[in-house]
Amino acid sequence: MWWRKRSKEKAKERLKLVLAYDRAKLSPGLVESLKRDLLEVLRRYFPAQEEGLSVAFEERGEKMVLIADIPLR
């Protein structure tokens, strides 16, 4: 039964992500471009790495928030 809960939570998170992209009028391809561009700029100032990089949009109230988790070496 524990696997059902994890599967349900994963599906719920994916749906939230799709809805956030839709509300922000962003395609998944555009989000991937954004990830690459952010990493390129950050590498100018920090030793950032692509492995483990995550960029997401989250709805907070009536605002869309960009959340970037970028591991530094």
PDB file of N, CA and C in Angstrom:
ATOM      1  N   MET A   1       0.801  -1.200   0.000  1.00  0.00           N
ATOM      2  CA  MET A   1       0.000   0.000   0.000  1.00  0.00           C
ATOM      3  C   MET A   1       0.845   1.265   0.000  1.00  0.00           C
ATOM      4  N   TRP A   2       2.043   1.232   0.577  1.00  0.00           N
ATOM      5  CA  TRP A   2       2.901   2.409   0.647  1.00  0.00           C
ATOM      6  C   TRP A   2       3.290   2.906  -0.733  1.00  0.00           C
ATOM      7  N   TRP A   3       3.381   1.989  -1.709  1.00  0.00           N
ATOM      8  CA  TRP A   3       3.753   2.406  -3.057  1.00  0.00           C
ATOM      9  C   TRP A   3       2.644   3.222  -3.715  1.00  0.00           C
ATOM     10  N   ARG A   4       1.408   2.956  -3.345  1.00  0.00           N
ATOM     11  CA  ARG A   4       0.289   3.724  -3.898  1.00  0.00           C
ATOM     12  C   ARG A   4       0.354   5.182  -3.450  1.00  0.00           C
ATOM     13  N   LYS A   5       0.710   5.376  -2.189  1.00  0.00           N
ATOM     14  CA  LYS A   5       0.787   6.736  -1.659  1.00  0.00           C
ATOM     15  C   LYS A   5       1.877   7.520  -2.385  1.00  0.00           C
ATOM     16  N   ARG A   6       3.047   6.890  -2.580  1.00  0.00           N
ATOM     17  CA  ARG A   6       4.130   7.579  -3.288  1.00  0.00           C
ATOM     18  C   ARG A   6       3.738   7.867  -4.736  1.00  0.00           C
ATOM     19  N   SER A   7       3.101   6.926  -5.379  1.00  0.00           N
ATOM     20  CA  SER A   7       2.672   7.110  -6.762  1.00  0.00           C
ATOM     21  C   SER A   7       1.641   8.236  -6.849  1.00  0.00           C
ATOM     22  N   LYS A   8       0.729   8.266  -5.905  1.00  0.00           N
ATOM     23  CA  LYS A   8      -0.294   9.314  -5.869  1.00  0.00           C
ATOM     24  C   LYS A   8       0.353  10.682  -5.670  1.00  0.00           C
ATOM     25  N   GLU A   9       1.308  10.778  -4.764  1.00  0.00           N
ATOM     26  CA  GLU A   9       1.985  12.046  -4.497  1.00  0.00           C
ATOM     27  C   GLU A   9       2.789  12.513  -5.707  1.00  0.00           C
ATOM     28  N   LYS A  10       3.453  11.585  -6.408  1.00  0.00           N
ATOM     29  CA  LYS A  10       4.213  11.933  -7.609  1.00  0.00           C
ATOM     30  C   LYS A  10       3.284  12.472  -8.693  1.00  0.00           C
ATOM     31  N   ALA A  11       2.162  11.814  -8.879  1.00  0.00           N
ATOM     32  CA  ALA A  11       1.193  12.256  -9.890  1.00  0.00           C
ATOM     33  C   ALA A  11       0.653  13.643  -9.537  1.00  0.00           C
ATOM     34  N   LYS A  12       0.412  13.864  -8.270  1.00  0.00           N
ATOM     35  CA  LYS A  12      -0.092  15.159  -7.810  1.00  0.00           C
ATOM     36  C   LYS A  12       0.934  16.263  -8.075  1.00  0.00           C
ATOM     37  N   GLU A  13       2.201  15.998  -7.807  1.00  0.00           N
ATOM     38  CA  GLU A  13       3.258  16.977  -8.057  1.00  0.00           C
ATOM     39  C   GLU A  13       3.408  17.258  -9.548  1.00  0.00           C
ATOM     40  N   ARG A  14       3.329  16.221 -10.379  1.00  0.00           N
ATOM     41  CA  ARG A  14       3.417  16.421 -11.836  1.00  0.00           C
ATOM     42  C   ARG A  14       2.275  17.283 -12.338  1.00  0.00           C
ATOM     43  N   LEU A  15       1.079  17.049 -11.838  1.00  0.00           N
ATOM     44  CA  LEU A  15      -0.081  17.848 -12.235  1.00  0.00           C
ATOM     45  C   LEU A  15       0.106  19.306 -11.830  1.00  0.00           C
ATOM     46  N   LYS A  16       0.616  19.540 -10.624  1.00  0.00           N
ATOM     47  CA  LYS A  16       0.880  20.908 -10.178  1.00  0.00           C
ATOM     48  C   LYS A  16       1.881  21.587 -11.107  1.00  0.00           C
ATOM     49  N   LEU A  17       2.904  20.853 -11.516  1.00  0.00           N
ATOM     50  CA  LEU A  17       3.918  21.397 -12.407  1.00  0.00           C
ATOM     51  C   LEU A  17       3.324  21.756 -13.766  1.00  0.00           C
ATOM     52  N   VAL A  18       2.527  20.870 -14.325  1.00  0.00           N
ATOM     53  CA  VAL A  18       1.888  21.138 -15.617  1.00  0.00           C
ATOM     54  C   VAL A  18       0.988  22.355 -15.524  1.00  0.00           C
ATOM     55  N   LEU A  19       0.221  22.454 -14.458  1.00  0.00           N
ATOM     56  CA  LEU A  19      -0.666  23.605 -14.278  1.00  0.00           C
ATOM     57  C   LEU A  19       0.128  24.895 -14.109  1.00  0.00           C
ATOM     58  N   ALA A  20       1.234  24.832 -13.387  1.00  0.00           N
ATOM     59  CA  ALA A  20       2.070  26.021 -13.199  1.00  0.00           C
ATOM     60  C   ALA A  20       2.643  26.484 -14.534  1.00  0.00           C
ATOM     61  N   TYR A  21       3.142  25.544 -15.348  1.00  0.00           N
ATOM     62  CA  TYR A  21       3.676  25.901 -16.668  1.00  0.00           C
ATOM     63  C   TYR A  21       2.583  26.521 -17.528  1.00  0.00           C
ATOM     64  N   ASP A  22       1.397  25.941 -17.458  1.00  0.00           N
ATOM     65  CA  ASP A  22       0.286  26.451 -18.254  1.00  0.00           C
ATOM     66  C   ASP A  22      -0.089  27.869 -17.818  1.00  0.00           C
ATOM     67  N   ARG A  23      -0.160  28.101 -16.531  1.00  0.00           N
ATOM     68  CA  ARG A  23      -0.519  29.433 -16.019  1.00  0.00           C
ATOM     69  C   ARG A  23       0.547  30.468 -16.347  1.00  0.00           C
ATOM     70  N   ALA A  24       1.796  30.034 -16.366  1.00  0.00           N
ATOM     71  CA  ALA A  24       2.890  30.959 -16.685  1.00  0.00           C
ATOM     72  C   ALA A  24       3.084  31.071 -18.199  1.00  0.00           C
ATOM     73  N   LYS A  25       2.281  30.321 -18.947  1.00  0.00           N
ATOM     74  CA  LYS A  25       2.344  30.300 -20.418  1.00  0.00           C
ATOM     75  C   LYS A  25       3.741  29.898 -20.906  1.00  0.00           C
ATOM     76  N   LEU A  26       4.294  28.848 -20.297  1.00  0.00           N
ATOM     77  CA  LEU A  26       5.608  28.329 -20.665  1.00  0.00           C
ATOM     78  C   LEU A  26       5.480  26.903 -21.168  1.00  0.00           C
ATOM     79  N   SER A  27       6.159  26.618 -22.246  1.00  0.00           N
ATOM     80  CA  SER A  27       6.188  25.246 -22.730  1.00  0.00           C
ATOM     81  C   SER A  27       7.341  24.525 -22.041  1.00  0.00           C
ATOM     82  N   PRO A  28       7.288  23.191 -21.938  1.00  0.00           N
ATOM     83  CA  PRO A  28       8.396  22.449 -21.338  1.00  0.00           C
ATOM     84  C   PRO A  28       9.727  22.720 -22.050  1.00  0.00           C
ATOM     85  N   GLY A  29       9.700  22.924 -23.366  1.00  0.00           N
ATOM     86  CA  GLY A  29      10.920  23.234 -24.113  1.00  0.00           C
ATOM     87  C   GLY A  29      11.514  24.563 -23.684  1.00  0.00           C
ATOM     88  N   LEU A  30      10.669  25.514 -23.392  1.00  0.00           N
ATOM     89  CA  LEU A  30      11.129  26.823 -22.935  1.00  0.00           C
ATOM     90  C   LEU A  30      11.758  26.719 -21.548  1.00  0.00           C
ATOM     91  N   VAL A  31      11.218  25.868 -20.719  1.00  0.00           N
ATOM     92  CA  VAL A  31      11.767  25.673 -19.380  1.00  0.00           C
ATOM     93  C   VAL A  31      13.161  25.054 -19.479  1.00  0.00           C
ATOM     94  N   GLU A  32      13.350  24.115 -20.389  1.00  0.00           N
ATOM     95  CA  GLU A  32      14.682  23.513 -20.583  1.00  0.00           C
ATOM     96  C   GLU A  32      15.680  24.567 -21.058  1.00  0.00           C
ATOM     97  N   SER A  33      15.251  25.439 -21.949  1.00  0.00           N
ATOM     98  CA  SER A  33      16.107  26.544 -22.404  1.00  0.00           C
ATOM     99  C   SER A  33      16.469  27.456 -21.245  1.00  0.00           C
ATOM    100  N   LEU A  34      15.507  27.733 -20.404  1.00  0.00           N
ATOM    101  CA  LEU A  34      15.741  28.572 -19.234  1.00  0.00           C
ATOM    102  C   LEU A  34      16.790  27.937 -18.320  1.00  0.00           C
ATOM    103  N   LYS A  35      16.696  26.619 -18.115  1.00  0.00           N
ATOM    104  CA  LYS A  35      17.680  25.912 -17.286  1.00  0.00           C
ATOM    105  C   LYS A  35      19.086  26.075 -17.853  1.00  0.00           C
ATOM    106  N   ARG A  36      19.224  25.865 -19.161  1.00  0.00           N
ATOM    107  CA  ARG A  36      20.542  25.991 -19.807  1.00  0.00           C
ATOM    108  C   ARG A  36      21.082  27.413 -19.677  1.00  0.00           C
ATOM    109  N   ASP A  37      20.224  28.405 -19.923  1.00  0.00           N
ATOM    110  CA  ASP A  37      20.647  29.803 -19.838  1.00  0.00           C
ATOM    111  C   ASP A  37      21.055  30.182 -18.415  1.00  0.00           C
ATOM    112  N   LEU A  38      20.270  29.749 -17.430  1.00  0.00           N
ATOM    113  CA  LEU A  38      20.608  30.043 -16.035  1.00  0.00           C
ATOM    114  C   LEU A  38      21.961  29.433 -15.669  1.00  0.00           C
ATOM    115  N   LEU A  39      22.176  28.210 -16.081  1.00  0.00           N
ATOM    116  CA  LEU A  39      23.434  27.536 -15.772  1.00  0.00           C
ATOM    117  C   LEU A  39      24.610  28.244 -16.438  1.00  0.00           C
ATOM    118  N   GLU A  40      24.422  28.661 -17.675  1.00  0.00           N
ATOM    119  CA  GLU A  40      25.482  29.371 -18.406  1.00  0.00           C
ATOM    120  C   GLU A  40      25.868  30.667 -17.685  1.00  0.00           C
ATOM    121  N   VAL A  41      24.876  31.421 -17.261  1.00  0.00           N
ATOM    122  CA  VAL A  41      25.149  32.681 -16.567  1.00  0.00           C
ATOM    123  C   VAL A  41      25.793  32.423 -15.200  1.00  0.00           C
ATOM    124  N   LEU A  42      25.275  31.466 -14.471  1.00  0.00           N
ATOM    125  CA  LEU A  42      25.828  31.186 -13.146  1.00  0.00           C
ATOM    126  C   LEU A  42      27.268  30.697 -13.208  1.00  0.00           C
ATOM    127  N   ARG A  43      27.610  29.975 -14.256  1.00  0.00           N
ATOM    128  CA  ARG A  43      28.979  29.478 -14.391  1.00  0.00           C
ATOM    129  C   ARG A  43      29.989  30.612 -14.560  1.00  0.00           C
ATOM    130  N   ARG A  44      29.528  31.761 -14.972  1.00  0.00           N
ATOM    131  CA  ARG A  44      30.428  32.922 -15.074  1.00  0.00           C
ATOM    132  C   ARG A  44      30.889  33.379 -13.696  1.00  0.00           C
ATOM    133  N   TYR A  45      30.078  33.139 -12.680  1.00  0.00           N
ATOM    134  CA  TYR A  45      30.354  33.643 -11.342  1.00  0.00           C
ATOM    135  C   TYR A  45      30.617  32.549 -10.299  1.00  0.00           C
ATOM    136  N   PHE A  46      30.050  31.372 -10.513  1.00  0.00           N
ATOM    137  CA  PHE A  46      30.164  30.265  -9.563  1.00  0.00           C
ATOM    138  C   PHE A  46      30.527  28.987 -10.305  1.00  0.00           C
ATOM    139  N   PRO A  47      31.145  28.049  -9.612  1.00  0.00           N
ATOM    140  CA  PRO A  47      31.412  26.752 -10.232  1.00  0.00           C
ATOM    141  C   PRO A  47      30.166  25.865 -10.169  1.00  0.00           C
ATOM    142  N   ALA A  48      29.159  26.194 -10.941  1.00  0.00           N
ATOM    143  CA  ALA A  48      27.889  25.455 -10.940  1.00  0.00           C
ATOM    144  C   ALA A  48      28.002  24.212 -11.804  1.00  0.00           C
ATOM    145  N   GLN A  49      27.198  23.207 -11.475  1.00  0.00           N
ATOM    146  CA  GLN A  49      27.188  21.984 -12.271  1.00  0.00           C
ATOM    147  C   GLN A  49      25.771  21.658 -12.710  1.00  0.00           C
ATOM    148  N   GLU A  50      25.663  21.003 -13.855  1.00  0.00           N
ATOM    149  CA  GLU A  50      24.350  20.695 -14.413  1.00  0.00           C
ATOM    150  C   GLU A  50      23.686  19.524 -13.695  1.00  0.00           C
ATOM    151  N   GLU A  51      24.485  18.597 -13.220  1.00  0.00           N
ATOM    152  CA  GLU A  51      23.941  17.433 -12.534  1.00  0.00           C
ATOM    153  C   GLU A  51      23.216  17.880 -11.263  1.00  0.00           C
ATOM    154  N   GLY A  52      21.972  17.493 -11.135  1.00  0.00           N
ATOM    155  CA  GLY A  52      21.195  17.868  -9.961  1.00  0.00           C
ATOM    156  C   GLY A  52      20.480  19.203 -10.079  1.00  0.00           C
ATOM    157  N   LEU A  53      20.637  19.889 -11.223  1.00  0.00           N
ATOM    158  CA  LEU A  53      19.991  21.181 -11.443  1.00  0.00           C
ATOM    159  C   LEU A  53      18.483  20.995 -11.570  1.00  0.00           C
ATOM    160  N   SER A  54      17.742  21.833 -10.872  1.00  0.00           N
ATOM    161  CA  SER A  54      16.300  21.773 -11.000  1.00  0.00           C
ATOM    162  C   SER A  54      15.735  23.191 -11.013  1.00  0.00           C
ATOM    163  N   VAL A  55      14.867  23.437 -11.978  1.00  0.00           N
ATOM    164  CA  VAL A  55      14.189  24.720 -12.105  1.00  0.00           C
ATOM    165  C   VAL A  55      12.699  24.410 -12.164  1.00  0.00           C
ATOM    166  N   ALA A  56      11.933  25.081 -11.322  1.00  0.00           N
ATOM    167  CA  ALA A  56      10.500  24.818 -11.284  1.00  0.00           C
ATOM    168  C   ALA A  56       9.737  26.112 -11.041  1.00  0.00           C
ATOM    169  N   PHE A  57       8.478  26.066 -11.368  1.00  0.00           N
ATOM    170  CA  PHE A  57       7.579  27.178 -11.096  1.00  0.00           C
ATOM    171  C   PHE A  57       6.570  26.696 -10.079  1.00  0.00           C
ATOM    172  N   GLU A  58       6.253  27.578  -9.159  1.00  0.00           N
ATOM    173  CA  GLU A  58       5.326  27.233  -8.094  1.00  0.00           C
ATOM    174  C   GLU A  58       4.335  28.379  -7.947  1.00  0.00           C
ATOM    175  N   GLU A  59       3.109  28.024  -7.712  1.00  0.00           N
ATOM    176  CA  GLU A  59       2.089  29.042  -7.505  1.00  0.00           C
ATOM    177  C   GLU A  59       2.014  29.357  -6.018  1.00  0.00           C
ATOM    178  N   ARG A  60       2.148  30.622  -5.692  1.00  0.00           N
ATOM    179  CA  ARG A  60       2.021  31.084  -4.312  1.00  0.00           C
ATOM    180  C   ARG A  60       0.983  32.196  -4.301  1.00  0.00           C
ATOM    181  N   GLY A  61      -0.179  31.816  -3.872  1.00  0.00           N
ATOM    182  CA  GLY A  61      -1.282  32.776  -3.920  1.00  0.00           C
ATOM    183  C   GLY A  61      -1.629  33.059  -5.368  1.00  0.00           C
ATOM    184  N   GLU A  62      -1.567  34.317  -5.754  1.00  0.00           N
ATOM    185  CA  GLU A  62      -1.870  34.690  -7.135  1.00  0.00           C
ATOM    186  C   GLU A  62      -0.612  34.898  -7.966  1.00  0.00           C
ATOM    187  N   LYS A  63       0.564  34.575  -7.404  1.00  0.00           N
ATOM    188  CA  LYS A  63       1.828  34.795  -8.111  1.00  0.00           C
ATOM    189  C   LYS A  63       2.475  33.476  -8.494  1.00  0.00           C
ATOM    190  N   MET A  64       3.200  33.502  -9.603  1.00  0.00           N
ATOM    191  CA  MET A  64       4.030  32.376 -10.015  1.00  0.00           C
ATOM    192  C   MET A  64       5.453  32.687  -9.563  1.00  0.00           C
ATOM    193  N   VAL A  65       6.108  31.727  -8.930  1.00  0.00           N
ATOM    194  CA  VAL A  65       7.451  31.914  -8.396  1.00  0.00           C
ATOM    195  C   VAL A  65       8.396  30.930  -9.078  1.00  0.00           C
ATOM    196  N   LEU A  66       9.554  31.430  -9.514  1.00  0.00           N
ATOM    197  CA  LEU A  66      10.589  30.583 -10.100  1.00  0.00           C
ATOM    198  C   LEU A  66      11.481  30.093  -8.979  1.00  0.00           C
ATOM    199  N   ILE A  67      11.671  28.781  -8.904  1.00  0.00           N
ATOM    200  CA  ILE A  67      12.528  28.194  -7.877  1.00  0.00           C
ATOM    201  C   ILE A  67      13.643  27.444  -8.598  1.00  0.00           C
ATOM    202  N   ALA A  68      14.875  27.835  -8.311  1.00  0.00           N
ATOM    203  CA  ALA A  68      16.041  27.187  -8.937  1.00  0.00           C
ATOM    204  C   ALA A  68      16.898  26.557  -7.850  1.00  0.00           C
ATOM    205  N   ASP A  69      17.164  25.268  -7.986  1.00  0.00           N
ATOM    206  CA  ASP A  69      18.042  24.546  -7.073  1.00  0.00           C
ATOM    207  C   ASP A  69      19.275  24.173  -7.906  1.00  0.00           C
ATOM    208  N   ILE A  70      20.384  24.862  -7.664  1.00  0.00           N
ATOM    209  CA  ILE A  70      21.586  24.721  -8.493  1.00  0.00           C
ATOM    210  C   ILE A  70      22.768  24.332  -7.624  1.00  0.00           C
ATOM    211  N   PRO A  71      23.209  23.073  -7.732  1.00  0.00           N
ATOM    212  CA  PRO A  71      24.352  22.650  -6.926  1.00  0.00           C
ATOM    213  C   PRO A  71      25.650  23.342  -7.373  1.00  0.00           C
ATOM    214  N   LEU A  72      26.417  23.793  -6.408  1.00  0.00           N
ATOM    215  CA  LEU A  72      27.729  24.379  -6.694  1.00  0.00           C
ATOM    216  C   LEU A  72      28.796  23.351  -6.324  1.00  0.00           C
ATOM    217  N   ARG A  73      29.880  23.356  -7.069  1.00  0.00           N
ATOM    218  CA  ARG A  73      30.948  22.377  -6.796  1.00  0.00           C
ATOM    219  C   ARG A  73      31.663  22.693  -5.522  1.00  0.00           C
TER     220      ARG A  73
END
